[in-house]
Amino acid sequence: MSYYQRHIFFCLNQRINGEASCGDHDAKAAFDHCKNRIKDAGLSGKGQVRVNKAGCLDRCAGGPVAVVYPEGTWYTFVDQADIDEIVDRHLINGEVVTRLVLPDDVGR
């Protein structure tokens, strides 16, 4: 068994050269919301869920993005309701939120 049941990484990269980046889409607010939801639900810590910041995940064209492991499911999102759905359905119940999955052909 791994240390965490699930691990979600949020790209918080902010490019200063004008190229698209997740930081342009308020990814930090989504990260904070997710972290608070997990903490408030008592789901953080060993054997549960870990919410982490990440630098560039190289999928900028689909930003903002987050990835859930161990499944390796990539998500894009637009608001807190999307984050709530990822938390409730995937992080808690293990169900992939198909409508928010980032297509495989979206890269940088």
PDB file of N, CA and C in Angstrom:
ATOM      1  N   MET A   1       0.844  -1.196   0.000  1.00  0.00           N
ATOM      2  CA  MET A   1       0.000   0.000   0.000  1.00  0.00           C
ATOM      3  C   MET A   1       0.877   1.242   0.000  1.00  0.00           C
ATOM      4  N   SER A   2       0.488   2.230  -0.769  1.00  0.00           N
ATOM      5  CA  SER A   2       1.250   3.474  -0.789  1.00  0.00           C
ATOM      6  C   SER A   2       0.886   4.322   0.434  1.00  0.00           C
ATOM      7  N   TYR A   3       1.696   5.309   0.704  1.00  0.00           N
ATOM      8  CA  TYR A   3       1.497   6.154   1.878  1.00  0.00           C
ATOM      9  C   TYR A   3       0.156   6.876   1.842  1.00  0.00           C
ATOM     10  N   TYR A   4      -0.220   7.365   0.651  1.00  0.00           N
ATOM     11  CA  TYR A   4      -1.526   8.013   0.468  1.00  0.00           C
ATOM     12  C   TYR A   4      -2.393   7.158  -0.433  1.00  0.00           C
ATOM     13  N   GLN A   5      -3.689   7.135  -0.165  1.00  0.00           N
ATOM     14  CA  GLN A   5      -4.608   6.428  -1.048  1.00  0.00           C
ATOM     15  C   GLN A   5      -4.691   7.134  -2.394  1.00  0.00           C
ATOM     16  N   ARG A   6      -4.770   8.467  -2.351  1.00  0.00           N
ATOM     17  CA  ARG A   6      -4.788   9.276  -3.566  1.00  0.00           C
ATOM     18  C   ARG A   6      -3.970  10.530  -3.334  1.00  0.00           C
ATOM     19  N   HIS A   7      -3.414  11.033  -4.412  1.00  0.00           N
ATOM     20  CA  HIS A   7      -2.555  12.206  -4.370  1.00  0.00           C
ATOM     21  C   HIS A   7      -2.964  13.089  -5.547  1.00  0.00           C
ATOM     22  N   ILE A   8      -3.318  14.344  -5.296  1.00  0.00           N
ATOM     23  CA  ILE A   8      -3.679  15.258  -6.384  1.00  0.00           C
ATOM     24  C   ILE A   8      -2.671  16.398  -6.422  1.00  0.00           C
ATOM     25  N   PHE A   9      -2.163  16.642  -7.620  1.00  0.00           N
ATOM     26  CA  PHE A   9      -1.210  17.717  -7.859  1.00  0.00           C
ATOM     27  C   PHE A   9      -1.875  18.782  -8.726  1.00  0.00           C
ATOM     28  N   PHE A  10      -1.797  20.029  -8.284  1.00  0.00           N
ATOM     29  CA  PHE A  10      -2.318  21.169  -9.034  1.00  0.00           C
ATOM     30  C   PHE A  10      -1.162  21.956  -9.621  1.00  0.00           C
ATOM     31  N   CYS A  11      -1.168  22.155 -10.941  1.00  0.00           N
ATOM     32  CA  CYS A  11      -0.176  23.021 -11.553  1.00  0.00           C
ATOM     33  C   CYS A  11      -0.489  24.455 -11.142  1.00  0.00           C
ATOM     34  N   LEU A  12       0.499  25.118 -10.539  1.00  0.00           N
ATOM     35  CA  LEU A  12       0.348  26.521 -10.146  1.00  0.00           C
ATOM     36  C   LEU A  12       1.331  27.405 -10.898  1.00  0.00           C
ATOM     37  N   ASN A  13       1.898  26.868 -11.968  1.00  0.00           N
ATOM     38  CA  ASN A  13       2.918  27.604 -12.717  1.00  0.00           C
ATOM     39  C   ASN A  13       2.367  28.906 -13.282  1.00  0.00           C
ATOM     40  N   GLN A  14       3.179  29.945 -13.167  1.00  0.00           N
ATOM     41  CA  GLN A  14       2.841  31.256 -13.722  1.00  0.00           C
ATOM     42  C   GLN A  14       3.979  31.705 -14.614  1.00  0.00           C
ATOM     43  N   ARG A  15       3.727  31.784 -15.900  1.00  0.00           N
ATOM     44  CA  ARG A  15       4.754  32.236 -16.846  1.00  0.00           C
ATOM     45  C   ARG A  15       4.724  33.762 -16.931  1.00  0.00           C
ATOM     46  N   ILE A  16       5.891  34.358 -16.995  1.00  0.00           N
ATOM     47  CA  ILE A  16       5.969  35.818 -17.072  1.00  0.00           C
ATOM     48  C   ILE A  16       6.225  36.307 -18.495  1.00  0.00           C
ATOM     49  N   ASN A  17       6.393  35.368 -19.435  1.00  0.00           N
ATOM     50  CA  ASN A  17       6.699  35.742 -20.818  1.00  0.00           C
ATOM     51  C   ASN A  17       5.458  35.838 -21.699  1.00  0.00           C
ATOM     52  N   GLY A  18       4.282  35.710 -21.114  1.00  0.00           N
ATOM     53  CA  GLY A  18       3.051  35.834 -21.878  1.00  0.00           C
ATOM     54  C   GLY A  18       2.496  34.530 -22.410  1.00  0.00           C
ATOM     55  N   GLU A  19       3.267  33.432 -22.307  1.00  0.00           N
ATOM     56  CA  GLU A  19       2.750  32.126 -22.732  1.00  0.00           C
ATOM     57  C   GLU A  19       1.666  31.667 -21.763  1.00  0.00           C
ATOM     58  N   ALA A  20       0.756  30.852 -22.274  1.00  0.00           N
ATOM     59  CA  ALA A  20      -0.326  30.327 -21.440  1.00  0.00           C
ATOM     60  C   ALA A  20       0.233  29.533 -20.260  1.00  0.00           C
ATOM     61  N   SER A  21      -0.421  29.662 -19.124  1.00  0.00           N
ATOM     62  CA  SER A  21      -0.031  28.892 -17.941  1.00  0.00           C
ATOM     63  C   SER A  21      -1.232  28.735 -17.018  1.00  0.00           C
ATOM     64  N   CYS A  22      -1.164  27.733 -16.178  1.00  0.00           N
ATOM     65  CA  CYS A  22      -2.277  27.460 -15.264  1.00  0.00           C
ATOM     66  C   CYS A  22      -2.498  28.607 -14.286  1.00  0.00           C
ATOM     67  N   GLY A  23      -1.438  29.298 -13.935  1.00  0.00           N
ATOM     68  CA  GLY A  23      -1.559  30.437 -13.038  1.00  0.00           C
ATOM     69  C   GLY A  23      -2.449  31.539 -13.589  1.00  0.00           C
ATOM     70  N   ASP A  24      -2.622  31.567 -14.916  1.00  0.00           N
ATOM     71  CA  ASP A  24      -3.503  32.561 -15.539  1.00  0.00           C
ATOM     72  C   ASP A  24      -4.971  32.299 -15.241  1.00  0.00           C
ATOM     73  N   HIS A  25      -5.284  31.112 -14.734  1.00  0.00           N
ATOM     74  CA  HIS A  25      -6.668  30.682 -14.544  1.00  0.00           C
ATOM     75  C   HIS A  25      -7.028  30.484 -13.076  1.00  0.00           C
ATOM     76  N   ASP A  26      -6.341  31.202 -12.194  1.00  0.00           N
ATOM     77  CA  ASP A  26      -6.629  31.155 -10.752  1.00  0.00           C
ATOM     78  C   ASP A  26      -6.499  29.743 -10.172  1.00  0.00           C
ATOM     79  N   ALA A  27      -5.484  29.025 -10.640  1.00  0.00           N
ATOM     80  CA  ALA A  27      -5.248  27.659 -10.166  1.00  0.00           C
ATOM     81  C   ALA A  27      -4.974  27.621  -8.666  1.00  0.00           C
ATOM     82  N   LYS A  28      -4.369  28.667  -8.126  1.00  0.00           N
ATOM     83  CA  LYS A  28      -4.071  28.700  -6.679  1.00  0.00           C
ATOM     84  C   LYS A  28      -5.356  28.665  -5.868  1.00  0.00           C
ATOM     85  N   ALA A  29      -6.382  29.362  -6.299  1.00  0.00           N
ATOM     86  CA  ALA A  29      -7.662  29.343  -5.583  1.00  0.00           C
ATOM     87  C   ALA A  29      -8.274  27.948  -5.612  1.00  0.00           C
ATOM     88  N   ALA A  30      -8.157  27.263  -6.741  1.00  0.00           N
ATOM     89  CA  ALA A  30      -8.674  25.890  -6.847  1.00  0.00           C
ATOM     90  C   ALA A  30      -7.905  24.958  -5.917  1.00  0.00           C
ATOM     91  N   PHE A  31      -6.580  25.098  -5.888  1.00  0.00           N
ATOM     92  CA  PHE A  31      -5.743  24.311  -4.979  1.00  0.00           C
ATOM     93  C   PHE A  31      -6.173  24.557  -3.534  1.00  0.00           C
ATOM     94  N   ASP A  32      -6.288  25.823  -3.145  1.00  0.00           N
ATOM     95  CA  ASP A  32      -6.676  26.164  -1.770  1.00  0.00           C
ATOM     96  C   ASP A  32      -8.036  25.585  -1.424  1.00  0.00           C
ATOM     97  N   HIS A  33      -8.982  25.674  -2.344  1.00  0.00           N
ATOM     98  CA  HIS A  33     -10.324  25.149  -2.106  1.00  0.00           C
ATOM     99  C   HIS A  33     -10.276  23.633  -1.904  1.00  0.00           C
ATOM    100  N   CYS A  34      -9.543  22.940  -2.770  1.00  0.00           N
ATOM    101  CA  CYS A  34      -9.429  21.488  -2.657  1.00  0.00           C
ATOM    102  C   CYS A  34      -8.780  21.100  -1.328  1.00  0.00           C
ATOM    103  N   LYS A  35      -7.695  21.758  -0.988  1.00  0.00           N
ATOM    104  CA  LYS A  35      -6.981  21.461   0.259  1.00  0.00           C
ATOM    105  C   LYS A  35      -7.902  21.657   1.469  1.00  0.00           C
ATOM    106  N   ASN A  36      -8.664  22.746   1.462  1.00  0.00           N
ATOM    107  CA  ASN A  36      -9.601  23.011   2.567  1.00  0.00           C
ATOM    108  C   ASN A  36     -10.709  21.965   2.632  1.00  0.00           C
ATOM    109  N   ARG A  37     -11.243  21.575   1.479  1.00  0.00           N
ATOM    110  CA  ARG A  37     -12.293  20.553   1.453  1.00  0.00           C
ATOM    111  C   ARG A  37     -11.805  19.240   2.051  1.00  0.00           C
ATOM    112  N   ILE A  38     -10.600  18.823   1.650  1.00  0.00           N
ATOM    113  CA  ILE A  38     -10.040  17.567   2.151  1.00  0.00           C
ATOM    114  C   ILE A  38      -9.769  17.665   3.655  1.00  0.00           C
ATOM    115  N   LYS A  39      -9.193  18.770   4.082  1.00  0.00           N
ATOM    116  CA  LYS A  39      -8.903  18.962   5.508  1.00  0.00           C
ATOM    117  C   LYS A  39     -10.190  18.991   6.335  1.00  0.00           C
ATOM    118  N   ASP A  40     -11.177  19.766   5.885  1.00  0.00           N
ATOM    119  CA  ASP A  40     -12.443  19.886   6.615  1.00  0.00           C
ATOM    120  C   ASP A  40     -13.188  18.560   6.712  1.00  0.00           C
ATOM    121  N   ALA A  41     -12.993  17.694   5.710  1.00  0.00           N
ATOM    122  CA  ALA A  41     -13.646  16.381   5.716  1.00  0.00           C
ATOM    123  C   ALA A  41     -12.862  15.361   6.540  1.00  0.00           C
ATOM    124  N   GLY A  42     -11.714  15.762   7.077  1.00  0.00           N
ATOM    125  CA  GLY A  42     -10.894  14.849   7.867  1.00  0.00           C
ATOM    126  C   GLY A  42     -10.231  13.775   7.016  1.00  0.00           C
ATOM    127  N   LEU A  43      -9.949  14.101   5.757  1.00  0.00           N
ATOM    128  CA  LEU A  43      -9.416  13.104   4.827  1.00  0.00           C
ATOM    129  C   LEU A  43      -7.940  13.289   4.504  1.00  0.00           C
ATOM    130  N   SER A  44      -7.243  14.157   5.234  1.00  0.00           N
ATOM    131  CA  SER A  44      -5.822  14.351   4.950  1.00  0.00           C
ATOM    132  C   SER A  44      -4.990  13.487   5.893  1.00  0.00           C
ATOM    133  N   GLY A  45      -3.832  13.076   5.415  1.00  0.00           N
ATOM    134  CA  GLY A  45      -2.923  12.283   6.234  1.00  0.00           C
ATOM    135  C   GLY A  45      -2.714  10.892   5.673  1.00  0.00           C
ATOM    136  N   LYS A  46      -1.886  10.152   6.361  1.00  0.00           N
ATOM    137  CA  LYS A  46      -1.501   8.815   5.924  1.00  0.00           C
ATOM    138  C   LYS A  46      -2.721   7.954   5.593  1.00  0.00           C
ATOM    139  N   GLY A  47      -2.637   7.281   4.442  1.00  0.00           N
ATOM    140  CA  GLY A  47      -3.703   6.384   4.018  1.00  0.00           C
ATOM    141  C   GLY A  47      -4.909   7.082   3.427  1.00  0.00           C
ATOM    142  N   GLN A  48      -4.824   8.403   3.292  1.00  0.00           N
ATOM    143  CA  GLN A  48      -5.971   9.147   2.796  1.00  0.00           C
ATOM    144  C   GLN A  48      -5.589   9.955   1.553  1.00  0.00           C
ATOM    145  N   VAL A  49      -5.838  11.261   1.567  1.00  0.00           N
ATOM    146  CA  VAL A  49      -5.622  12.091   0.378  1.00  0.00           C
ATOM    147  C   VAL A  49      -4.594  13.176   0.682  1.00  0.00           C
ATOM    148  N   ARG A  50      -3.704  13.400  -0.262  1.00  0.00           N
ATOM    149  CA  ARG A  50      -2.724  14.483  -0.168  1.00  0.00           C
ATOM    150  C   ARG A  50      -2.966  15.448  -1.329  1.00  0.00           C
ATOM    151  N   VAL A  51      -3.032  16.746  -1.027  1.00  0.00           N
ATOM    152  CA  VAL A  51      -3.222  17.788  -2.024  1.00  0.00           C
ATOM    153  C   VAL A  51      -1.913  18.574  -2.108  1.00  0.00           C
ATOM    154  N   ASN A  52      -1.306  18.611  -3.291  1.00  0.00           N
ATOM    155  CA  ASN A  52      -0.001  19.248  -3.454  1.00  0.00           C
ATOM    156  C   ASN A  52       0.024  20.276  -4.570  1.00  0.00           C
ATOM    157  N   LYS A  53       0.883  21.282  -4.379  1.00  0.00           N
ATOM    158  CA  LYS A  53       1.213  22.244  -5.429  1.00  0.00           C
ATOM    159  C   LYS A  53       2.217  21.581  -6.356  1.00  0.00           C
ATOM    160  N   ALA A  54       2.169  21.971  -7.614  1.00  0.00           N
ATOM    161  CA  ALA A  54       3.169  21.501  -8.576  1.00  0.00           C
ATOM    162  C   ALA A  54       3.569  22.670  -9.460  1.00  0.00           C
ATOM    163  N   GLY A  55       4.767  22.570  -9.987  1.00  0.00           N
ATOM    164  CA  GLY A  55       5.200  23.497 -11.019  1.00  0.00           C
ATOM    165  C   GLY A  55       4.576  23.043 -12.325  1.00  0.00           C
ATOM    166  N   CYS A  56       5.145  23.463 -13.419  1.00  0.00           N
ATOM    167  CA  CYS A  56       4.594  23.139 -14.729  1.00  0.00           C
ATOM    168  C   CYS A  56       4.483  21.630 -14.925  1.00  0.00           C
ATOM    169  N   LEU A  57       3.301  21.195 -15.322  1.00  0.00           N
ATOM    170  CA  LEU A  57       3.056  19.781 -15.627  1.00  0.00           C
ATOM    171  C   LEU A  57       3.058  19.549 -17.135  1.00  0.00           C
ATOM    172  N   ASP A  58       3.376  20.579 -17.902  1.00  0.00           N
ATOM    173  CA  ASP A  58       3.562  20.534 -19.354  1.00  0.00           C
ATOM    174  C   ASP A  58       2.292  20.193 -20.127  1.00  0.00           C
ATOM    175  N   ARG A  59       1.143  20.616 -19.591  1.00  0.00           N
ATOM    176  CA  ARG A  59      -0.129  20.435 -20.297  1.00  0.00           C
ATOM    177  C   ARG A  59      -0.860  21.774 -20.322  1.00  0.00           C
ATOM    178  N   CYS A  60      -0.099  22.824 -20.542  1.00  0.00           N
ATOM    179  CA  CYS A  60      -0.549  24.211 -20.441  1.00  0.00           C
ATOM    180  C   CYS A  60      -1.773  24.544 -21.291  1.00  0.00           C
ATOM    181  N   ALA A  61      -1.868  23.937 -22.461  1.00  0.00           N
ATOM    182  CA  ALA A  61      -2.977  24.247 -23.364  1.00  0.00           C
ATOM    183  C   ALA A  61      -4.332  23.855 -22.780  1.00  0.00           C
ATOM    184  N   GLY A  62      -4.344  22.988 -21.798  1.00  0.00           N
ATOM    185  CA  GLY A  62      -5.589  22.562 -21.168  1.00  0.00           C
ATOM    186  C   GLY A  62      -5.821  23.199 -19.822  1.00  0.00           C
ATOM    187  N   GLY A  63      -4.988  24.158 -19.472  1.00  0.00           N
ATOM    188  CA  GLY A  63      -4.995  24.733 -18.135  1.00  0.00           C
ATOM    189  C   GLY A  63      -6.276  25.437 -17.752  1.00  0.00           C
ATOM    190  N   PRO A  64      -6.544  25.420 -16.476  1.00  0.00           N
ATOM    191  CA  PRO A  64      -5.731  24.877 -15.411  1.00  0.00           C
ATOM    192  C   PRO A  64      -5.869  23.353 -15.345  1.00  0.00           C
ATOM    193  N   VAL A  65      -4.826  22.693 -14.852  1.00  0.00           N
ATOM    194  CA  VAL A  65      -4.839  21.240 -14.784  1.00  0.00           C
ATOM    195  C   VAL A  65      -4.452  20.739 -13.397  1.00  0.00           C
ATOM    196  N   ALA A  66      -4.931  19.532 -13.129  1.00  0.00           N
ATOM    197  CA  ALA A  66      -4.549  18.794 -11.923  1.00  0.00           C
ATOM    198  C   ALA A  66      -4.496  17.321 -12.324  1.00  0.00           C
ATOM    199  N   VAL A  67      -3.704  16.549 -11.614  1.00  0.00           N
ATOM    200  CA  VAL A  67      -3.599  15.118 -11.906  1.00  0.00           C
ATOM    201  C   VAL A  67      -3.726  14.328 -10.602  1.00  0.00           C
ATOM    202  N   VAL A  68      -4.503  13.254 -10.662  1.00  0.00           N
ATOM    203  CA  VAL A  68      -4.745  12.401  -9.502  1.00  0.00           C
ATOM    204  C   VAL A  68      -4.002  11.085  -9.679  1.00  0.00           C
ATOM    205  N   TYR A  69      -3.230  10.717  -8.678  1.00  0.00           N
ATOM    206  CA  TYR A  69      -2.543   9.422  -8.638  1.00  0.00           C
ATOM    207  C   TYR A  69      -3.067   8.626  -7.467  1.00  0.00           C
ATOM    208  N   PRO A  70      -3.116   7.294  -7.550  1.00  0.00           N
ATOM    209  CA  PRO A  70      -2.330   6.469  -8.450  1.00  0.00           C
ATOM    210  C   PRO A  70      -2.961   6.247  -9.826  1.00  0.00           C
ATOM    211  N   GLU A  71      -4.166   6.737 -10.052  1.00  0.00           N
ATOM    212  CA  GLU A  71      -4.843   6.468 -11.315  1.00  0.00           C
ATOM    213  C   GLU A  71      -4.189   7.165 -12.511  1.00  0.00           C
ATOM    214  N   GLY A  72      -3.538   8.306 -12.279  1.00  0.00           N
ATOM    215  CA  GLY A  72      -2.967   9.075 -13.376  1.00  0.00           C
ATOM    216  C   GLY A  72      -4.039   9.766 -14.197  1.00  0.00           C
ATOM    217  N   THR A  73      -5.099  10.203 -13.550  1.00  0.00           N
ATOM    218  CA  THR A  73      -6.207  10.876 -14.217  1.00  0.00           C
ATOM    219  C   THR A  73      -5.944  12.374 -14.241  1.00  0.00           C
ATOM    220  N   TRP A  74      -5.936  12.935 -15.446  1.00  0.00           N
ATOM    221  CA  TRP A  74      -5.701  14.364 -15.647  1.00  0.00           C
ATOM    222  C   TRP A  74      -7.030  15.088 -15.770  1.00  0.00           C
ATOM    223  N   TYR A  75      -7.141  16.194 -15.026  1.00  0.00           N
ATOM    224  CA  TYR A  75      -8.357  16.997 -15.050  1.00  0.00           C
ATOM    225  C   TYR A  75      -8.067  18.433 -15.463  1.00  0.00           C
ATOM    226  N   THR A  76      -9.070  19.037 -16.085  1.00  0.00           N
ATOM    227  CA  THR A  76      -9.131  20.471 -16.258  1.00  0.00           C
ATOM    228  C   THR A  76     -10.392  20.924 -15.514  1.00  0.00           C
ATOM    229  N   PHE A  77     -10.444  22.171 -15.125  1.00  0.00           N
ATOM    230  CA  PHE A  77     -11.575  22.646 -14.316  1.00  0.00           C
ATOM    231  C   PHE A  77     -11.742  24.138 -14.539  1.00  0.00           C
ATOM    232  N   VAL A  78     -12.928  24.643 -14.187  1.00  0.00           N
ATOM    233  CA  VAL A  78     -13.166  26.072 -14.371  1.00  0.00           C
ATOM    234  C   VAL A  78     -13.572  26.787 -13.085  1.00  0.00           C
ATOM    235  N   ASP A  79     -14.112  26.078 -12.122  1.00  0.00           N
ATOM    236  CA  ASP A  79     -14.582  26.762 -10.921  1.00  0.00           C
ATOM    237  C   ASP A  79     -14.582  25.827  -9.712  1.00  0.00           C
ATOM    238  N   GLN A  80     -15.014  26.354  -8.575  1.00  0.00           N
ATOM    239  CA  GLN A  80     -15.031  25.565  -7.340  1.00  0.00           C
ATOM    240  C   GLN A  80     -16.001  24.390  -7.419  1.00  0.00           C
ATOM    241  N   ALA A  81     -17.065  24.541  -8.181  1.00  0.00           N
ATOM    242  CA  ALA A  81     -18.011  23.429  -8.334  1.00  0.00           C
ATOM    243  C   ALA A  81     -17.323  22.236  -8.999  1.00  0.00           C
ATOM    244  N   ASP A  82     -16.441  22.498  -9.971  1.00  0.00           N
ATOM    245  CA  ASP A  82     -15.688  21.413 -10.601  1.00  0.00           C
ATOM    246  C   ASP A  82     -14.760  20.745  -9.588  1.00  0.00           C
ATOM    247  N   ILE A  83     -14.099  21.554  -8.770  1.00  0.00           N
ATOM    248  CA  ILE A  83     -13.209  20.996  -7.741  1.00  0.00           C
ATOM    249  C   ILE A  83     -14.017  20.172  -6.746  1.00  0.00           C
ATOM    250  N   ASP A  84     -15.180  20.664  -6.349  1.00  0.00           N
ATOM    251  CA  ASP A  84     -16.038  19.904  -5.428  1.00  0.00           C
ATOM    252  C   ASP A  84     -16.411  18.553  -6.026  1.00  0.00           C
ATOM    253  N   GLU A  85     -16.692  18.534  -7.318  1.00  0.00           N
ATOM    254  CA  GLU A  85     -17.058  17.280  -7.966  1.00  0.00           C
ATOM    255  C   GLU A  85     -15.869  16.316  -8.006  1.00  0.00           C
ATOM    256  N   ILE A  86     -14.678  16.824  -8.268  1.00  0.00           N
ATOM    257  CA  ILE A  86     -13.482  15.978  -8.249  1.00  0.00           C
ATOM    258  C   ILE A  86     -13.245  15.428  -6.850  1.00  0.00           C
ATOM    259  N   VAL A  87     -13.393  16.269  -5.839  1.00  0.00           N
ATOM    260  CA  VAL A  87     -13.216  15.822  -4.449  1.00  0.00           C
ATOM    261  C   VAL A  87     -14.241  14.750  -4.101  1.00  0.00           C
ATOM    262  N   ASP A  88     -15.517  15.056  -4.320  1.00  0.00           N
ATOM    263  CA  ASP A  88     -16.589  14.147  -3.901  1.00  0.00           C
ATOM    264  C   ASP A  88     -16.584  12.833  -4.669  1.00  0.00           C
ATOM    265  N   ARG A  89     -16.427  12.925  -5.971  1.00  0.00           N
ATOM    266  CA  ARG A  89     -16.543  11.715  -6.785  1.00  0.00           C
ATOM    267  C   ARG A  89     -15.242  10.939  -6.901  1.00  0.00           C
ATOM    268  N   HIS A  90     -14.131  11.625  -7.152  1.00  0.00           N
ATOM    269  CA  HIS A  90     -12.884  10.897  -7.387  1.00  0.00           C
ATOM    270  C   HIS A  90     -12.053  10.711  -6.115  1.00  0.00           C
ATOM    271  N   LEU A  91     -11.728  11.805  -5.440  1.00  0.00           N
ATOM    272  CA  LEU A  91     -10.837  11.689  -4.288  1.00  0.00           C
ATOM    273  C   LEU A  91     -11.468  10.911  -3.138  1.00  0.00           C
ATOM    274  N   ILE A  92     -12.759  11.029  -2.975  1.00  0.00           N
ATOM    275  CA  ILE A  92     -13.433  10.312  -1.885  1.00  0.00           C
ATOM    276  C   ILE A  92     -13.953   8.955  -2.344  1.00  0.00           C
ATOM    277  N   ASN A  93     -14.607   8.907  -3.506  1.00  0.00           N
ATOM    278  CA  ASN A  93     -15.280   7.674  -3.925  1.00  0.00           C
ATOM    279  C   ASN A  93     -14.580   6.890  -5.035  1.00  0.00           C
ATOM    280  N   GLY A  94     -13.489   7.428  -5.575  1.00  0.00           N
ATOM    281  CA  GLY A  94     -12.732   6.694  -6.583  1.00  0.00           C
ATOM    282  C   GLY A  94     -13.350   6.652  -7.967  1.00  0.00           C
ATOM    283  N   GLU A  95     -14.312   7.520  -8.218  1.00  0.00           N
ATOM    284  CA  GLU A  95     -15.005   7.558  -9.512  1.00  0.00           C
ATOM    285  C   GLU A  95     -14.445   8.699 -10.371  1.00  0.00           C
ATOM    286  N   VAL A  96     -13.958   8.387 -11.546  1.00  0.00           N
ATOM    287  CA  VAL A  96     -13.422   9.405 -12.440  1.00  0.00           C
ATOM    288  C   VAL A  96     -14.556  10.322 -12.913  1.00  0.00           C
ATOM    289  N   VAL A  97     -14.293  11.621 -12.903  1.00  0.00           N
ATOM    290  CA  VAL A  97     -15.263  12.613 -13.369  1.00  0.00           C
ATOM    291  C   VAL A  97     -15.007  12.816 -14.866  1.00  0.00           C
ATOM    292  N   THR A  98     -15.634  12.018 -15.670  1.00  0.00           N
ATOM    293  CA  THR A  98     -15.366  11.950 -17.107  1.00  0.00           C
ATOM    294  C   THR A  98     -15.465  13.302 -17.800  1.00  0.00           C
ATOM    295  N   ARG A  99     -16.444  14.106 -17.448  1.00  0.00           N
ATOM    296  CA  ARG A  99     -16.648  15.384 -18.138  1.00  0.00           C
ATOM    297  C   ARG A  99     -15.504  16.362 -17.915  1.00  0.00           C
ATOM    298  N   LEU A 100     -14.670  16.139 -16.895  1.00  0.00           N
ATOM    299  CA  LEU A 100     -13.555  17.040 -16.597  1.00  0.00           C
ATOM    300  C   LEU A 100     -12.195  16.473 -16.989  1.00  0.00           C
ATOM    301  N   VAL A 101     -12.185  15.258 -17.542  1.00  0.00           N
ATOM    302  CA  VAL A 101     -10.913  14.625 -17.927  1.00  0.00           C
ATOM    303  C   VAL A 101     -10.294  15.391 -19.093  1.00  0.00           C
ATOM    304  N   LEU A 102      -9.009  15.679 -18.962  1.00  0.00           N
ATOM    305  CA  LEU A 102      -8.251  16.382 -19.998  1.00  0.00           C
ATOM    306  C   LEU A 102      -7.912  15.380 -21.106  1.00  0.00           C
ATOM    307  N   PRO A 103      -8.280  15.665 -22.342  1.00  0.00           N
ATOM    308  CA  PRO A 103      -7.963  14.738 -23.440  1.00  0.00           C
ATOM    309  C   PRO A 103      -6.455  14.502 -23.552  1.00  0.00           C
ATOM    310  N   ASP A 104      -6.092  13.272 -23.929  1.00  0.00           N
ATOM    311  CA  ASP A 104      -4.689  12.880 -24.034  1.00  0.00           C
ATOM    312  C   ASP A 104      -3.892  13.710 -25.020  1.00  0.00           C
ATOM    313  N   ASP A 105      -4.542  14.279 -26.014  1.00  0.00           N
ATOM    314  CA  ASP A 105      -3.798  15.015 -27.045  1.00  0.00           C
ATOM    315  C   ASP A 105      -3.525  16.470 -26.677  1.00  0.00           C
ATOM    316  N   VAL A 106      -3.931  16.893 -25.490  1.00  0.00           N
ATOM    317  CA  VAL A 106      -3.675  18.273 -25.047  1.00  0.00           C
ATOM    318  C   VAL A 106      -2.334  18.300 -24.328  1.00  0.00           C
ATOM    319  N   GLY A 107      -1.424  19.111 -24.845  1.00  0.00           N
ATOM    320  CA  GLY A 107      -0.103  19.236 -24.249  1.00  0.00           C
ATOM    321  C   GLY A 107       0.200  20.669 -23.936  1.00  0.00           C
ATOM    322  N   ARG A 108       1.382  21.071 -24.289  1.00  0.00           N
ATOM    323  CA  ARG A 108       1.822  22.417 -23.990  1.00  0.00           C
ATOM    324  C   ARG A 108       1.398  23.353 -25.084  1.00  0.00           C
TER     325      ARG A 108
END
